[in-house]
């Protein structure tokens, strides 16, 4: 419980770095796709063929540079998502600790809050039960 803030900071820091890397790779992925689209469109037009957007998109999607950039982006996205899940788990842990402390301070786990308030009658019955238990204990231990 004492280390919760420190651990949370480390997790949040790793999450921020992972998100930054993911965003960087996303931009790189988009840049590569744009460059490939221009390059492939020019090569199709150089062959004197009619160039449609669907042809360019299909050529870009099947290009090795596109696949490599997409793979790197997806891997980075997975890492960022995992760090985010861990960060959220630490947030949940923090909320749970806070709630447990609040309940402890409110005497949630105290015996009287579970049993209710004792009345004169319940005290008398409890006393008689304990007295009978002590008498039985003494009888057994005399022998």
Protein backbone atom coordinates (compact mmCIF):
# COMPACT_ATOMS: atom_id res chain seq x y z
CA UNK A 1 0.00 0.00 0.00
CA UNK A 2 2.86 2.34 0.76
CA UNK A 3 4.45 1.75 -2.65
CA UNK A 4 1.19 2.19 -4.62
CA UNK A 5 1.96 5.77 -5.79
CA UNK A 6 5.50 4.87 -6.84
CA UNK A 7 4.39 1.75 -8.71
CA UNK A 8 1.55 3.63 -10.36
CA UNK A 9 3.98 6.33 -11.54
CA UNK A 10 6.26 3.71 -13.13
CA UNK A 11 3.35 2.06 -14.92
CA UNK A 12 1.93 5.41 -16.07
CA UNK A 13 5.38 6.44 -17.34
CA UNK A 14 5.78 3.23 -19.35
CA UNK A 15 2.26 3.68 -20.71
CA UNK A 16 3.04 7.24 -21.84
CA UNK A 17 6.22 6.06 -23.57
CA UNK A 18 4.35 3.19 -25.27
CA UNK A 19 1.61 5.55 -26.50
CA UNK A 20 4.22 7.96 -27.82
CA UNK A 21 5.99 5.15 -29.70
CA UNK A 22 2.66 3.86 -31.05
CA UNK A 23 1.70 7.33 -32.31
CA UNK A 24 5.12 7.76 -33.89
CA UNK A 25 4.80 4.44 -35.72
CA UNK A 26 1.26 5.34 -36.80
CA UNK A 27 2.54 8.50 -38.44
CA UNK A 28 5.38 6.53 -40.04
CA UNK A 29 2.83 3.99 -41.31
CA UNK A 30 0.71 6.75 -42.86
CA UNK A 31 3.77 8.41 -44.40
CA UNK A 32 4.93 5.13 -45.96
CA UNK A 33 1.44 4.49 -47.35
CA UNK A 34 1.33 7.99 -48.88
CA UNK A 35 4.78 7.61 -50.43
CA UNK A 36 3.90 4.17 -51.79
CA UNK A 37 0.63 5.48 -53.25
CA UNK A 38 2.45 8.26 -55.10
CA UNK A 39 5.20 5.90 -56.28
CA UNK A 40 2.80 3.17 -57.42
CA UNK A 41 0.41 5.62 -59.09
CA UNK A 42 3.32 7.09 -61.07
CA UNK A 43 4.57 3.65 -62.11
CA UNK A 44 1.08 2.61 -63.28
CA UNK A 45 0.66 5.83 -65.26
CA UNK A 46 4.14 5.37 -66.78
CA UNK A 47 2.93 2.07 -68.21
CA UNK A 48 0.14 4.03 -69.93
CA UNK A 49 -2.52 2.13 -68.00
CA UNK A 50 -5.62 3.66 -66.53
CA UNK A 51 -4.99 4.21 -62.82
CA UNK A 52 -7.90 3.84 -60.41
CA UNK A 53 -7.86 4.48 -56.68
CA UNK A 54 -8.75 0.85 -56.01
CA UNK A 55 -5.71 -0.30 -58.01
CA UNK A 56 -3.44 2.00 -56.02
CA UNK A 57 -4.92 0.91 -52.67
CA UNK A 58 -4.54 -2.76 -53.58
CA UNK A 59 -0.93 -2.24 -54.68
CA UNK A 60 -0.12 -0.33 -51.48
CA UNK A 61 -1.76 -2.96 -49.26
CA UNK A 62 0.28 -5.76 -50.82
CA UNK A 63 3.61 -3.92 -50.76
CA UNK A 64 6.25 -5.31 -48.33
CA UNK A 65 7.03 -1.83 -46.91
CA UNK A 66 3.35 -1.36 -46.07
CA UNK A 67 3.15 -4.77 -44.40
CA UNK A 68 6.31 -4.15 -42.38
CA UNK A 69 5.12 -0.71 -41.22
CA UNK A 70 1.68 -2.08 -40.36
CA UNK A 71 3.19 -4.95 -38.38
CA UNK A 72 5.42 -2.58 -36.39
CA UNK A 73 2.44 -0.30 -35.70
CA UNK A 74 0.21 -3.19 -34.59
CA UNK A 75 2.92 -4.57 -32.29
CA UNK A 76 3.43 -1.15 -30.75
CA UNK A 77 -0.32 -0.70 -30.38
CA UNK A 78 -0.56 -4.02 -28.52
CA UNK A 79 2.21 -2.96 -26.11
CA UNK A 80 0.48 0.37 -25.45
CA UNK A 81 -2.83 -1.42 -24.84
CA UNK A 82 -1.19 -3.78 -22.36
CA UNK A 83 0.42 -0.89 -20.46
CA UNK A 84 -2.96 0.84 -20.45
CA UNK A 85 -4.61 -2.26 -18.97
CA UNK A 86 -1.93 -2.45 -16.26
CA UNK A 87 -2.36 1.26 -15.53
CA UNK A 88 -6.12 0.79 -15.18
CA UNK A 89 -5.52 -2.19 -12.87
CA UNK A 90 -3.38 0.03 -10.64
CA UNK A 91 -6.10 2.68 -10.67
CA UNK A 92 -8.63 0.05 -9.60
CA UNK A 93 -6.25 -1.08 -6.86
CA UNK A 94 -5.90 2.50 -5.67
CA UNK A 95 -9.66 2.94 -5.54
CA UNK A 96 -10.04 -0.35 -3.67
CA UNK A 97 -7.38 0.66 -1.12
CA UNK A 98 -9.04 4.03 -0.65
CA UNK A 99 -12.42 2.37 -0.12
CA UNK A 100 -10.99 -0.17 2.34
CA UNK A 101 -9.38 2.65 4.34
CA UNK A 102 -12.65 4.58 4.35
CA UNK A 103 -14.53 1.50 5.56
CA UNK A 104 -11.91 0.80 8.23
CA UNK A 105 -12.07 4.35 9.49
CA UNK A 106 -15.85 4.13 9.61
CA UNK A 107 -15.50 0.98 11.79
CA UNK A 108 -17.13 -1.12 9.08
CA UNK A 109 -15.36 -4.21 10.35
CA UNK A 110 -16.11 -3.54 14.01
CA UNK A 111 -18.09 -6.19 15.81
CA UNK A 112 -20.80 -3.80 16.92
CA UNK A 113 -21.57 -2.66 13.39
CA UNK A 114 -22.11 -6.26 12.35
CA UNK A 115 -24.08 -7.35 15.39
CA UNK A 116 -25.99 -4.16 15.98
CA UNK A 117 -26.36 -2.29 19.23
CA UNK A 118 -26.56 -4.32 22.40
CA UNK A 119 -29.59 -3.86 24.54
CA UNK A 120 -29.91 -4.75 28.19
CA UNK A 121 -31.58 -8.03 27.28
CA UNK A 122 -28.88 -9.07 24.77
CA UNK A 123 -26.16 -8.23 27.29
CA UNK A 124 -27.93 -10.37 29.92
CA UNK A 125 -28.27 -13.33 27.53
CA UNK A 126 -24.66 -13.00 26.46
CA UNK A 127 -23.55 -12.85 30.10
CA UNK A 128 -25.51 -15.98 30.97
CA UNK A 129 -24.06 -17.88 28.00
CA UNK A 130 -20.51 -16.91 28.95
CA UNK A 131 -21.18 -17.77 32.62
CA UNK A 132 -22.51 -21.20 31.64
CA UNK A 133 -19.52 -21.81 29.34
CA UNK A 134 -17.10 -20.90 32.17
CA UNK A 135 -18.94 -23.16 34.60
CA UNK A 136 -18.74 -26.04 32.12
CA UNK A 137 -15.03 -25.36 31.54
CA UNK A 138 -14.36 -25.42 35.31
CA UNK A 139 -16.29 -28.67 35.77
CA UNK A 140 -14.25 -30.37 33.03
CA UNK A 141 -10.91 -29.14 34.39
CA UNK A 142 -11.52 -30.12 38.07
CA UNK A 143 -11.19 -33.80 37.39
